[in-house]
N, C-alpha and C. Protein backbone atom coordinates (compact mmCIF):
# COMPACT_ATOMS: atom_id res chain seq x y z
N MET A 1 -132.63 159.79 -142.48
CA MET A 1 -131.27 160.11 -142.81
C MET A 1 -130.74 161.11 -141.78
N PRO A 2 -129.46 160.89 -141.33
CA PRO A 2 -128.88 161.81 -140.37
C PRO A 2 -128.59 163.17 -141.01
N VAL A 3 -128.73 164.18 -140.18
CA VAL A 3 -128.43 165.54 -140.62
C VAL A 3 -127.05 165.92 -140.10
N GLY A 4 -126.17 166.46 -140.94
CA GLY A 4 -124.84 166.87 -140.53
C GLY A 4 -123.84 165.73 -140.69
N PRO A 5 -122.60 165.99 -140.29
CA PRO A 5 -121.54 164.99 -140.45
C PRO A 5 -121.74 163.83 -139.47
N GLU A 6 -121.38 162.66 -139.93
CA GLU A 6 -121.42 161.49 -139.06
C GLU A 6 -120.09 161.37 -138.34
N VAL A 7 -120.13 160.91 -137.11
CA VAL A 7 -118.92 160.77 -136.30
C VAL A 7 -118.77 159.30 -135.92
N LEU A 8 -117.57 158.79 -136.13
CA LEU A 8 -117.26 157.42 -135.76
C LEU A 8 -116.06 157.45 -134.83
N ASP A 9 -116.25 157.06 -133.58
CA ASP A 9 -115.15 157.00 -132.61
C ASP A 9 -114.56 155.60 -132.65
N VAL A 10 -113.24 155.54 -132.76
CA VAL A 10 -112.54 154.26 -132.79
C VAL A 10 -111.62 154.20 -131.58
N PHE A 11 -111.66 153.11 -130.85
CA PHE A 11 -110.85 152.93 -129.66
C PHE A 11 -109.96 151.70 -129.84
N SER A 12 -108.84 151.73 -129.15
CA SER A 12 -107.91 150.60 -129.18
C SER A 12 -107.60 150.21 -127.74
N LEU A 13 -107.45 148.94 -127.51
CA LEU A 13 -107.12 148.44 -126.19
C LEU A 13 -105.74 147.80 -126.24
N VAL A 14 -104.86 148.26 -125.36
CA VAL A 14 -103.52 147.70 -125.27
C VAL A 14 -103.40 147.00 -123.92
N ASN A 15 -103.09 145.72 -123.96
CA ASN A 15 -102.97 144.95 -122.74
C ASN A 15 -101.65 145.29 -122.05
N ILE A 16 -101.70 145.89 -120.85
CA ILE A 16 -100.51 146.27 -120.11
C ILE A 16 -100.07 145.13 -119.20
N TYR A 17 -101.02 144.49 -118.54
CA TYR A 17 -100.72 143.39 -117.62
C TYR A 17 -101.78 142.31 -117.82
N ARG A 18 -101.34 141.09 -117.87
CA ARG A 18 -102.27 139.96 -117.99
C ARG A 18 -102.19 139.14 -116.72
N LEU A 19 -103.35 138.94 -116.10
CA LEU A 19 -103.44 138.18 -114.85
C LEU A 19 -104.24 136.91 -115.09
N TYR A 20 -103.60 135.80 -114.87
CA TYR A 20 -104.28 134.51 -114.93
C TYR A 20 -104.50 134.03 -113.50
N HIS A 21 -105.67 133.54 -113.23
CA HIS A 21 -105.97 133.05 -111.88
C HIS A 21 -105.31 131.71 -111.63
N SER A 22 -104.97 131.01 -112.69
CA SER A 22 -104.23 129.75 -112.60
C SER A 22 -102.96 129.91 -113.41
N SER A 23 -101.86 129.40 -112.90
CA SER A 23 -100.60 129.49 -113.61
C SER A 23 -100.12 128.09 -113.93
N ASN A 24 -99.68 127.91 -115.16
CA ASN A 24 -99.10 126.63 -115.55
C ASN A 24 -98.03 126.88 -116.59
N SER A 25 -97.57 125.86 -117.28
CA SER A 25 -96.47 126.03 -118.23
C SER A 25 -96.89 126.84 -119.46
N TYR A 26 -98.19 127.03 -119.68
CA TYR A 26 -98.67 127.78 -120.84
C TYR A 26 -99.15 129.19 -120.47
N LEU A 27 -99.68 129.36 -119.29
CA LEU A 27 -100.24 130.64 -118.86
C LEU A 27 -99.39 131.25 -117.76
N HIS A 28 -98.86 132.46 -118.02
CA HIS A 28 -98.03 133.16 -117.05
C HIS A 28 -98.52 134.59 -116.90
N SER A 29 -98.85 134.99 -115.68
CA SER A 29 -99.22 136.37 -115.42
C SER A 29 -98.00 137.26 -115.58
N GLY A 30 -98.22 138.49 -116.03
CA GLY A 30 -97.10 139.41 -116.12
C GLY A 30 -97.38 140.59 -117.03
N TYR A 31 -96.42 141.53 -117.05
CA TYR A 31 -96.52 142.72 -117.89
C TYR A 31 -96.25 142.37 -119.34
N ASN A 32 -96.82 143.15 -120.23
CA ASN A 32 -96.67 142.94 -121.67
C ASN A 32 -95.21 143.20 -122.06
N PRO A 33 -94.48 142.18 -122.53
CA PRO A 33 -93.07 142.37 -122.88
C PRO A 33 -92.88 143.26 -124.11
N ASP A 34 -93.92 143.47 -124.91
CA ASP A 34 -93.82 144.38 -126.05
C ASP A 34 -93.80 145.85 -125.59
N LEU A 35 -94.26 146.11 -124.36
CA LEU A 35 -94.27 147.47 -123.81
C LEU A 35 -93.13 147.72 -122.83
N PHE A 36 -92.75 146.70 -122.08
CA PHE A 36 -91.76 146.85 -121.01
C PHE A 36 -90.63 145.85 -121.18
N ALA A 37 -89.40 146.37 -121.34
CA ALA A 37 -88.23 145.48 -121.42
C ALA A 37 -88.00 144.83 -120.05
N LEU A 38 -88.20 145.60 -118.98
CA LEU A 38 -88.14 145.11 -117.60
C LEU A 38 -89.46 145.41 -116.94
N ASP A 39 -89.94 144.49 -116.12
CA ASP A 39 -91.21 144.73 -115.42
C ASP A 39 -91.10 145.96 -114.54
N PRO A 40 -92.07 146.87 -114.63
CA PRO A 40 -92.03 148.06 -113.76
C PRO A 40 -92.30 147.68 -112.31
N GLN A 41 -91.88 148.56 -111.42
CA GLN A 41 -92.14 148.34 -110.00
C GLN A 41 -93.62 148.53 -109.69
N LYS A 42 -94.23 149.51 -110.39
CA LYS A 42 -95.64 149.81 -110.10
C LYS A 42 -96.24 150.59 -111.26
N ILE A 43 -97.53 150.38 -111.51
CA ILE A 43 -98.33 151.20 -112.41
C ILE A 43 -99.48 151.74 -111.59
N THR A 44 -99.71 153.05 -111.68
CA THR A 44 -100.73 153.67 -110.84
C THR A 44 -101.54 154.68 -111.64
N ASP A 45 -102.76 154.95 -111.17
CA ASP A 45 -103.59 155.96 -111.81
C ASP A 45 -103.36 157.34 -111.22
N LYS A 46 -102.37 157.46 -110.32
CA LYS A 46 -102.00 158.76 -109.73
C LYS A 46 -100.84 159.34 -110.53
N ARG A 47 -100.84 160.65 -110.69
CA ARG A 47 -99.80 161.32 -111.46
C ARG A 47 -98.50 161.32 -110.65
N GLU A 48 -97.50 160.67 -111.16
CA GLU A 48 -96.19 160.59 -110.51
C GLU A 48 -95.24 161.57 -111.20
N ALA A 49 -93.94 161.33 -111.17
CA ALA A 49 -92.95 162.21 -111.81
C ALA A 49 -93.27 162.36 -113.30
N ALA A 50 -93.02 163.55 -113.85
CA ALA A 50 -93.43 163.88 -115.22
C ALA A 50 -92.87 162.92 -116.26
N TYR A 51 -91.64 162.45 -116.10
CA TYR A 51 -91.06 161.56 -117.11
C TYR A 51 -91.69 160.17 -117.10
N GLN A 52 -92.47 159.85 -116.09
CA GLN A 52 -93.10 158.55 -115.99
C GLN A 52 -94.58 158.57 -116.36
N ALA A 53 -95.14 159.74 -116.57
CA ALA A 53 -96.58 159.86 -116.85
C ALA A 53 -96.86 159.47 -118.29
N ILE A 54 -97.95 158.74 -118.51
CA ILE A 54 -98.38 158.31 -119.84
C ILE A 54 -99.66 159.07 -120.18
N TYR A 55 -99.68 159.71 -121.38
CA TYR A 55 -100.81 160.51 -121.82
C TYR A 55 -101.35 159.96 -123.13
N ASP A 56 -102.60 160.28 -123.43
CA ASP A 56 -103.16 159.91 -124.74
C ASP A 56 -102.80 160.99 -125.75
N ASN A 57 -103.27 160.84 -126.98
CA ASN A 57 -102.89 161.79 -128.03
C ASN A 57 -103.50 163.18 -127.87
N SER A 58 -104.45 163.34 -126.94
CA SER A 58 -105.01 164.67 -126.67
C SER A 58 -104.46 165.26 -125.36
N SER A 59 -103.35 164.69 -124.88
CA SER A 59 -102.65 165.14 -123.66
C SER A 59 -103.43 164.87 -122.37
N ALA A 60 -104.38 163.96 -122.40
CA ALA A 60 -105.09 163.57 -121.18
C ALA A 60 -104.26 162.51 -120.45
N PHE A 61 -104.07 162.69 -119.15
CA PHE A 61 -103.31 161.76 -118.34
C PHE A 61 -104.00 160.40 -118.29
N LEU A 62 -103.23 159.32 -118.50
CA LEU A 62 -103.78 157.97 -118.42
C LEU A 62 -103.31 157.23 -117.18
N PHE A 63 -101.99 157.10 -117.00
CA PHE A 63 -101.44 156.42 -115.84
C PHE A 63 -99.96 156.76 -115.72
N SER A 64 -99.35 156.37 -114.60
CA SER A 64 -97.91 156.56 -114.38
C SER A 64 -97.25 155.22 -114.22
N VAL A 65 -96.00 155.15 -114.66
CA VAL A 65 -95.21 153.93 -114.54
C VAL A 65 -94.01 154.23 -113.65
N GLU A 66 -93.85 153.44 -112.59
CA GLU A 66 -92.67 153.57 -111.74
C GLU A 66 -91.72 152.46 -112.13
N PRO A 67 -90.58 152.83 -112.76
CA PRO A 67 -89.65 151.79 -113.23
C PRO A 67 -88.97 151.07 -112.08
N ARG A 68 -88.33 149.96 -112.41
CA ARG A 68 -87.56 149.23 -111.39
C ARG A 68 -86.44 150.10 -110.88
N LYS A 69 -86.07 149.87 -109.63
CA LYS A 69 -84.97 150.65 -109.03
C LYS A 69 -83.65 150.04 -109.43
């Protein structure tokens, strides 16, 4: 039996971009329309302007989104 409190970490995966190696009438590569009304110009793991930075719930930097011009 474990001693002390048990810890269960739960993670969630949100698909930001889907890339298909083949494109046809059913499969289309692109950004998740539930997240982006317009496709961003770029997503990067470098910290960009503060209003574009995406953080997790513990304030850890995840990625930056550069919107369309």
